[in-house]
Amino acid sequence: MKARYSRNGGFGLIEVLIALVILGVGLMGLARLQLSMLAGTADTAAYDHAIRLANDEFESLRFAWLAGSLPTAGSDERTVQGMVFQRSWTIACSVEQACHAAVTLRWQEPRAGTGNPQREITLEGYLSPGMLAAQAWLVQSGPPTRETLP
């Protein structure tokens, strides 16, 4: 008796190898996507730190202005989670009017190569005189109110 081999019996070695190659290419694409998502998260974290450091300097300038001293321009360097931020600020004030302040932060991201330029962000704002700030505080903090729920 002769043994009969059926062509519909299962998968051949070539088919299995082709399926493994396709699966490998798909997994490599997913790994690449994961790396790009992590890089985007690092960029977002750096911008978040920069915004927080700029707001921190604005608050310091505001407290100095409300305390009666005239804020001055300056610069410093802060390190947050391994990234070095160079912060500088300029301010133009007069005693009776609002001060115009600009805070600039520069940093080099850790994943960036040596040829890549530094990142930079500048925030501008105004510091109001003490009397205007006190009046705004009274308006903001007015009597407590409750919203009615629908």
C-alpha atoms as a PDB file:
ATOM      1  CA  MET A   1       0.000   0.000   0.000  1.00  0.00           C
ATOM      2  CA  LYS A   2       1.137   3.425  -0.874  1.00  0.00           C
ATOM      3  CA  ALA A   3       0.910   6.246   1.626  1.00  0.00           C
ATOM      4  CA  ARG A   4      -1.012   9.183   0.341  1.00  0.00           C
ATOM      5  CA  TYR A   5       0.012  12.658   1.356  1.00  0.00           C
ATOM      6  CA  SER A   6      -2.635  15.281   1.376  1.00  0.00           C
ATOM      7  CA  ARG A   7      -1.779  18.849   0.386  1.00  0.00           C
ATOM      8  CA  ASN A   8      -4.448  20.207   2.740  1.00  0.00           C
ATOM      9  CA  GLY A   9      -2.976  18.534   5.808  1.00  0.00           C
ATOM     10  CA  GLY A  10      -1.327  21.548   7.535  1.00  0.00           C
ATOM     11  CA  PHE A  11       1.283  24.287   7.312  1.00  0.00           C
ATOM     12  CA  GLY A  12       4.592  23.860   5.585  1.00  0.00           C
ATOM     13  CA  LEU A  13       7.945  25.110   6.821  1.00  0.00           C
ATOM     14  CA  ILE A  14       8.043  27.971   4.312  1.00  0.00           C
ATOM     15  CA  GLU A  15       4.624  29.242   5.400  1.00  0.00           C
ATOM     16  CA  VAL A  16       5.625  29.191   9.061  1.00  0.00           C
ATOM     17  CA  LEU A  17       8.847  31.099   8.309  1.00  0.00           C
ATOM     18  CA  ILE A  18       6.963  33.732   6.312  1.00  0.00           C
ATOM     19  CA  ALA A  19       4.477  34.154   9.170  1.00  0.00           C
ATOM     20  CA  LEU A  20       7.365  34.581  11.636  1.00  0.00           C
ATOM     21  CA  VAL A  21       8.995  37.236   9.425  1.00  0.00           C
ATOM     22  CA  ILE A  22       5.718  39.176   9.190  1.00  0.00           C
ATOM     23  CA  LEU A  23       5.247  38.907  12.971  1.00  0.00           C
ATOM     24  CA  GLY A  24       8.830  40.074  13.570  1.00  0.00           C
ATOM     25  CA  VAL A  25       8.384  43.123  11.321  1.00  0.00           C
ATOM     26  CA  GLY A  26       5.165  44.001  13.146  1.00  0.00           C
ATOM     27  CA  LEU A  27       6.840  43.726  16.554  1.00  0.00           C
ATOM     28  CA  MET A  28       9.750  45.887  15.376  1.00  0.00           C
ATOM     29  CA  GLY A  29       7.238  48.537  14.285  1.00  0.00           C
ATOM     30  CA  LEU A  30       5.562  48.449  17.696  1.00  0.00           C
ATOM     31  CA  ALA A  31       8.934  48.808  19.430  1.00  0.00           C
ATOM     32  CA  ARG A  32       9.758  51.820  17.251  1.00  0.00           C
ATOM     33  CA  LEU A  33       6.385  53.373  18.049  1.00  0.00           C
ATOM     34  CA  GLN A  34       6.995  52.852  21.777  1.00  0.00           C
ATOM     35  CA  LEU A  35      10.391  54.590  21.548  1.00  0.00           C
ATOM     36  CA  SER A  36       8.942  57.589  19.728  1.00  0.00           C
ATOM     37  CA  MET A  37       6.157  57.854  22.315  1.00  0.00           C
ATOM     38  CA  LEU A  38       8.715  57.832  25.141  1.00  0.00           C
ATOM     39  CA  ALA A  39      10.721  60.556  23.395  1.00  0.00           C
ATOM     40  CA  GLY A  40       7.572  62.669  23.067  1.00  0.00           C
ATOM     41  CA  THR A  41       6.871  62.190  26.760  1.00  0.00           C
ATOM     42  CA  ALA A  42      10.396  63.387  27.624  1.00  0.00           C
ATOM     43  CA  ASP A  43       9.868  66.521  25.487  1.00  0.00           C
ATOM     44  CA  THR A  44       6.575  67.225  27.234  1.00  0.00           C
ATOM     45  CA  ALA A  45       8.162  66.778  30.674  1.00  0.00           C
ATOM     46  CA  ALA A  46      10.944  69.231  29.771  1.00  0.00           C
ATOM     47  CA  TYR A  47       8.430  71.852  28.630  1.00  0.00           C
ATOM     48  CA  ASP A  48       6.407  71.285  31.805  1.00  0.00           C
ATOM     49  CA  HIS A  49       9.493  71.859  33.979  1.00  0.00           C
ATOM     50  CA  ALA A  50      10.333  74.997  31.983  1.00  0.00           C
ATOM     51  CA  ILE A  51       6.834  76.438  32.442  1.00  0.00           C
ATOM     52  CA  ARG A  52       6.926  75.685  36.166  1.00  0.00           C
ATOM     53  CA  LEU A  53      10.329  77.355  36.576  1.00  0.00           C
ATOM     54  CA  ALA A  54       9.119  80.427  34.651  1.00  0.00           C
ATOM     55  CA  ASN A  55       5.992  80.663  36.823  1.00  0.00           C
ATOM     56  CA  ASP A  56       8.160  80.292  39.928  1.00  0.00           C
ATOM     57  CA  GLU A  57      10.259  83.273  38.862  1.00  0.00           C
ATOM     58  CA  PHE A  58       7.133  85.309  38.060  1.00  0.00           C
ATOM     59  CA  GLU A  59       5.872  84.625  41.584  1.00  0.00           C
ATOM     60  CA  SER A  60       9.201  85.707  43.079  1.00  0.00           C
ATOM     61  CA  LEU A  61       9.113  88.933  41.080  1.00  0.00           C
ATOM     62  CA  ARG A  62       5.491  89.510  42.070  1.00  0.00           C
ATOM     63  CA  PHE A  63       6.249  89.004  45.779  1.00  0.00           C
ATOM     64  CA  ALA A  64       9.204  91.389  45.584  1.00  0.00           C
ATOM     65  CA  TRP A  65       7.024  93.985  43.826  1.00  0.00           C
ATOM     66  CA  LEU A  66       4.206  93.653  46.375  1.00  0.00           C
ATOM     67  CA  ALA A  67       6.694  93.843  49.239  1.00  0.00           C
ATOM     68  CA  GLY A  68       7.697  97.300  48.036  1.00  0.00           C
ATOM     69  CA  SER A  69      11.069  96.574  46.449  1.00  0.00           C
ATOM     70  CA  LEU A  70      11.748  97.130  42.768  1.00  0.00           C
ATOM     71  CA  PRO A  71      12.507  93.767  41.084  1.00  0.00           C
ATOM     72  CA  THR A  72      15.637  93.611  38.956  1.00  0.00           C
ATOM     73  CA  ALA A  73      16.730  91.546  35.976  1.00  0.00           C
ATOM     74  CA  GLY A  74      18.888  88.511  36.524  1.00  0.00           C
ATOM     75  CA  SER A  75      19.660  84.929  35.662  1.00  0.00           C
ATOM     76  CA  ASP A  76      20.313  81.598  37.329  1.00  0.00           C
ATOM     77  CA  GLU A  77      20.638  77.925  36.561  1.00  0.00           C
ATOM     78  CA  ARG A  78      18.386  75.168  37.888  1.00  0.00           C
ATOM     79  CA  THR A  79      18.678  71.392  37.580  1.00  0.00           C
ATOM     80  CA  VAL A  80      15.449  69.387  37.493  1.00  0.00           C
ATOM     81  CA  GLN A  81      15.524  65.601  37.014  1.00  0.00           C
ATOM     82  CA  GLY A  82      18.935  65.661  35.370  1.00  0.00           C
ATOM     83  CA  MET A  83      18.160  68.521  32.965  1.00  0.00           C
ATOM     84  CA  VAL A  84      19.913  71.866  33.395  1.00  0.00           C
ATOM     85  CA  PHE A  85      17.697  74.892  32.793  1.00  0.00           C
ATOM     86  CA  GLN A  86      19.283  78.293  32.259  1.00  0.00           C
ATOM     87  CA  ARG A  87      16.773  80.894  33.356  1.00  0.00           C
ATOM     88  CA  SER A  88      17.014  84.633  32.713  1.00  0.00           C
ATOM     89  CA  TRP A  89      14.512  87.392  33.273  1.00  0.00           C
ATOM     90  CA  THR A  90      14.163  91.029  32.344  1.00  0.00           C
ATOM     91  CA  ILE A  91      11.852  93.542  33.929  1.00  0.00           C
ATOM     92  CA  ALA A  92      10.864  97.113  33.117  1.00  0.00           C
ATOM     93  CA  CYS A  93       9.085  98.921  35.976  1.00  0.00           C
ATOM     94  CA  SER A  94       7.962 102.296  37.082  1.00  0.00           C
ATOM     95  CA  VAL A  95       6.792 102.962  40.627  1.00  0.00           C
ATOM     96  CA  GLU A  96       3.170 103.851  39.785  1.00  0.00           C
ATOM     97  CA  GLN A  97       2.485 101.528  36.852  1.00  0.00           C
ATOM     98  CA  ALA A  98       2.622  97.833  36.088  1.00  0.00           C
ATOM     99  CA  CYS A  99       5.939  96.115  35.441  1.00  0.00           C
ATOM    100  CA  HIS A 100       6.534  94.210  32.226  1.00  0.00           C
ATOM    101  CA  ALA A 101       8.477  91.010  32.912  1.00  0.00           C
ATOM    102  CA  ALA A 102       9.844  88.375  30.517  1.00  0.00           C
ATOM    103  CA  VAL A 103      11.283  85.063  31.705  1.00  0.00           C
ATOM    104  CA  THR A 104      13.327  82.974  29.247  1.00  0.00           C
ATOM    105  CA  LEU A 105      14.423  79.391  29.831  1.00  0.00           C
ATOM    106  CA  ARG A 106      16.959  77.454  27.763  1.00  0.00           C
ATOM    107  CA  TRP A 107      17.817  73.795  28.091  1.00  0.00           C
ATOM    108  CA  GLN A 108      19.424  70.913  26.231  1.00  0.00           C
ATOM    109  CA  GLU A 109      17.398  67.735  26.327  1.00  0.00           C
ATOM    110  CA  PRO A 110      19.315  64.671  27.498  1.00  0.00           C
ATOM    111  CA  ARG A 111      18.409  62.614  24.429  1.00  0.00           C
ATOM    112  CA  ALA A 112      19.439  65.348  21.983  1.00  0.00           C
ATOM    113  CA  GLY A 113      22.755  65.018  20.171  1.00  0.00           C
ATOM    114  CA  THR A 114      25.623  67.466  20.465  1.00  0.00           C
ATOM    115  CA  GLY A 115      24.709  69.150  17.157  1.00  0.00           C
ATOM    116  CA  ASN A 116      21.135  69.924  18.193  1.00  0.00           C
ATOM    117  CA  PRO A 117      20.394  73.491  19.326  1.00  0.00           C
ATOM    118  CA  GLN A 118      19.066  74.249  22.762  1.00  0.00           C
ATOM    119  CA  ARG A 119      15.347  74.485  23.376  1.00  0.00           C
ATOM    120  CA  GLU A 120      14.005  77.849  24.473  1.00  0.00           C
ATOM    121  CA  ILE A 121      10.745  79.191  25.834  1.00  0.00           C
ATOM    122  CA  THR A 122       9.871  82.778  26.804  1.00  0.00           C
ATOM    123  CA  LEU A 123       6.907  83.837  28.922  1.00  0.00           C
ATOM    124  CA  GLU A 124       5.888  87.461  29.280  1.00  0.00           C
ATOM    125  CA  GLY A 125       3.588  89.073  31.803  1.00  0.00           C
ATOM    126  CA  TYR A 126       2.748  92.170  33.791  1.00  0.00           C
ATOM    127  CA  LEU A 127       3.025  92.775  37.521  1.00  0.00           C
ATOM    128  CA  SER A 128       0.436  95.252  38.774  1.00  0.00           C
ATOM    129  CA  PRO A 129       1.137  97.810  41.506  1.00  0.00           C
ATOM    130  CA  GLY A 130       0.301  96.842  45.087  1.00  0.00           C
ATOM    131  CA  MET A 131      -2.969  98.748  45.323  1.00  0.00           C
ATOM    132  CA  LEU A 132      -4.326  97.273  42.094  1.00  0.00           C
ATOM    133  CA  ALA A 133      -3.273  93.786  43.167  1.00  0.00           C
ATOM    134  CA  ALA A 134      -5.055  94.200  46.501  1.00  0.00           C
ATOM    135  CA  GLN A 135      -8.224  95.357  44.756  1.00  0.00           C
ATOM    136  CA  ALA A 136      -8.080  92.416  42.342  1.00  0.00           C
ATOM    137  CA  TRP A 137      -7.666  90.056  45.310  1.00  0.00           C
ATOM    138  CA  LEU A 138     -10.809  91.496  46.902  1.00  0.00           C
ATOM    139  CA  VAL A 139     -12.752  91.071  43.678  1.00  0.00           C
ATOM    140  CA  GLN A 140     -11.511  87.506  43.185  1.00  0.00           C
ATOM    141  CA  SER A 141     -12.090  86.321  46.712  1.00  0.00           C
ATOM    142  CA  GLY A 142     -15.507  88.047  47.195  1.00  0.00           C
ATOM    143  CA  PRO A 143     -18.353  86.361  49.084  1.00  0.00           C
ATOM    144  CA  PRO A 144     -18.624  82.593  48.764  1.00  0.00           C
ATOM    145  CA  THR A 145     -21.203  81.392  46.291  1.00  0.00           C
ATOM    146  CA  ARG A 146     -22.533  77.998  45.272  1.00  0.00           C
ATOM    147  CA  GLU A 147     -23.511  76.862  41.845  1.00  0.00           C
ATOM    148  CA  THR A 148     -26.879  75.252  41.549  1.00  0.00           C
ATOM    149  CA  LEU A 149     -26.854  71.802  40.065  1.00  0.00           C
ATOM    150  CA  PRO A 150     -29.250  71.047  37.219  1.00  0.00           C
END
